[in-house]
C-alpha atoms as a PDB file:
ATOM      1  CA  MET A   1      -2.199 -23.490  -8.342  1.00  0.00           C
ATOM      2  CA  LYS A   2      -3.634 -20.744  -8.568  1.00  0.00           C
ATOM      3  CA  LEU A   3      -2.328 -17.124  -8.856  1.00  0.00           C
ATOM      4  CA  ILE A   4      -3.772 -13.919  -6.764  1.00  0.00           C
ATOM      5  CA  HIS A   5      -3.427 -11.064 -10.235  1.00  0.00           C
ATOM      6  CA  PRO A   6      -1.565  -8.616  -9.538  1.00  0.00           C
ATOM      7  CA  LYS A   7      -2.851  -5.792  -8.540  1.00  0.00           C
ATOM      8  CA  LYS A   8      -4.660  -7.744  -6.164  1.00  0.00           C
ATOM      9  CA  ALA A   9      -1.488  -8.450  -4.871  1.00  0.00           C
ATOM     10  CA  THR A  10      -0.415  -5.154  -4.863  1.00  0.00           C
ATOM     11  CA  LEU A  11      -4.145  -4.232  -3.294  1.00  0.00           C
ATOM     12  CA  LEU A  12      -3.247  -6.763  -0.331  1.00  0.00           C
ATOM     13  CA  ASN A  13       0.471  -5.629   0.360  1.00  0.00           C
ATOM     14  CA  SER A  14      -0.660  -2.528   0.431  1.00  0.00           C
ATOM     15  CA  LEU A  15      -3.318  -2.760   2.993  1.00  0.00           C
ATOM     16  CA  ALA A  16      -0.977  -4.448   5.270  1.00  0.00           C
ATOM     17  CA  LEU A  17       1.545  -2.329   5.364  1.00  0.00           C
ATOM     18  CA  ILE A  18      -1.005   0.529   6.139  1.00  0.00           C
ATOM     19  CA  LEU A  19      -2.280  -1.311   8.666  1.00  0.00           C
ATOM     20  CA  ILE A  20       1.346  -2.251  10.373  1.00  0.00           C
ATOM     21  CA  GLY A  21       1.810   1.180  10.107  1.00  0.00           C
ATOM     22  CA  ILE A  22      -0.766   2.445  12.022  1.00  0.00           C
ATOM     23  CA  SER A  23      -0.739  -0.200  14.366  1.00  0.00           C
ATOM     24  CA  GLY A  24       2.530   0.112  15.259  1.00  0.00           C
ATOM     25  CA  TYR A  25       2.234   4.322  15.245  1.00  0.00           C
ATOM     26  CA  LEU A  26      -0.792   3.961  18.086  1.00  0.00           C
ATOM     27  CA  ILE A  27       1.522   1.540  19.827  1.00  0.00           C
ATOM     28  CA  LYS A  28       4.581   3.793  19.972  1.00  0.00           C
ATOM     29  CA  SER A  29       3.233   6.866  19.504  1.00  0.00           C
ATOM     30  CA  SER A  30       6.194   7.416  16.627  1.00  0.00           C
ATOM     31  CA  PRO A  31       5.430   9.669  13.699  1.00  0.00           C
ATOM     32  CA  THR A  32       8.924   7.485  12.113  1.00  0.00           C
ATOM     33  CA  ALA A  33       6.027   4.316  11.598  1.00  0.00           C
ATOM     34  CA  LEU A  34       4.414   6.395   9.613  1.00  0.00           C
ATOM     35  CA  ILE A  35       6.906   6.691   6.851  1.00  0.00           C
ATOM     36  CA  PRO A  36       5.782   3.435   5.748  1.00  0.00           C
ATOM     37  CA  VAL A  37       1.984   4.537   4.896  1.00  0.00           C
ATOM     38  CA  VAL A  38       2.398   7.500   3.680  1.00  0.00           C
ATOM     39  CA  LEU A  39       4.929   5.674   0.860  1.00  0.00           C
ATOM     40  CA  VAL A  40       2.000   3.048   0.171  1.00  0.00           C
ATOM     41  CA  PHE A  41      -0.512   5.888  -0.295  1.00  0.00           C
ATOM     42  CA  TYR A  42       1.458   7.520  -2.914  1.00  0.00           C
ATOM     43  CA  TYR A  43       2.268   3.548  -4.328  1.00  0.00           C
ATOM     44  CA  PHE A  44      -1.073   2.949  -3.770  1.00  0.00           C
ATOM     45  CA  TYR A  45      -2.306   6.577  -6.124  1.00  0.00           C
ATOM     46  CA  VAL A  46       0.111   5.316  -8.564  1.00  0.00           C
ATOM     47  CA  ILE A  47      -0.708   1.892  -9.159  1.00  0.00           C
ATOM     48  CA  ILE A  48      -4.364   3.052  -9.607  1.00  0.00           C
ATOM     49  CA  PHE A  49      -3.428   5.515 -11.797  1.00  0.00           C
ATOM     50  CA  MET A  50      -1.309   3.791 -14.078  1.00  0.00           C
ATOM     51  CA  THR A  51      -4.098   0.865 -14.590  1.00  0.00           C
ATOM     52  CA  ARG A  52      -6.115   3.683 -15.703  1.00  0.00           C
ATOM     53  CA  THR A  53      -4.360   5.059 -18.221  1.00  0.00           C
ATOM     54  CA  THR A  54      -4.446   3.574 -21.939  1.00  0.00           C
ATOM     55  CA  LYS A  55      -1.861   1.406 -22.872  1.00  0.00           C
ATOM     56  CA  LEU A  56       0.752   3.001 -25.512  1.00  0.00           C
END
């Protein structure tokens, strides 16, 4: 059984949450559907920043 690398799994989950949030906003026109999208962008930024820094 081959597992997905954690970074790739995080990126896939982030993309899925972004798509679900945007589609929820487009269907219901409710700005609260964009809250997960904003949080995922923040989380995505943190993951990219953390992987680029050197390890101690």
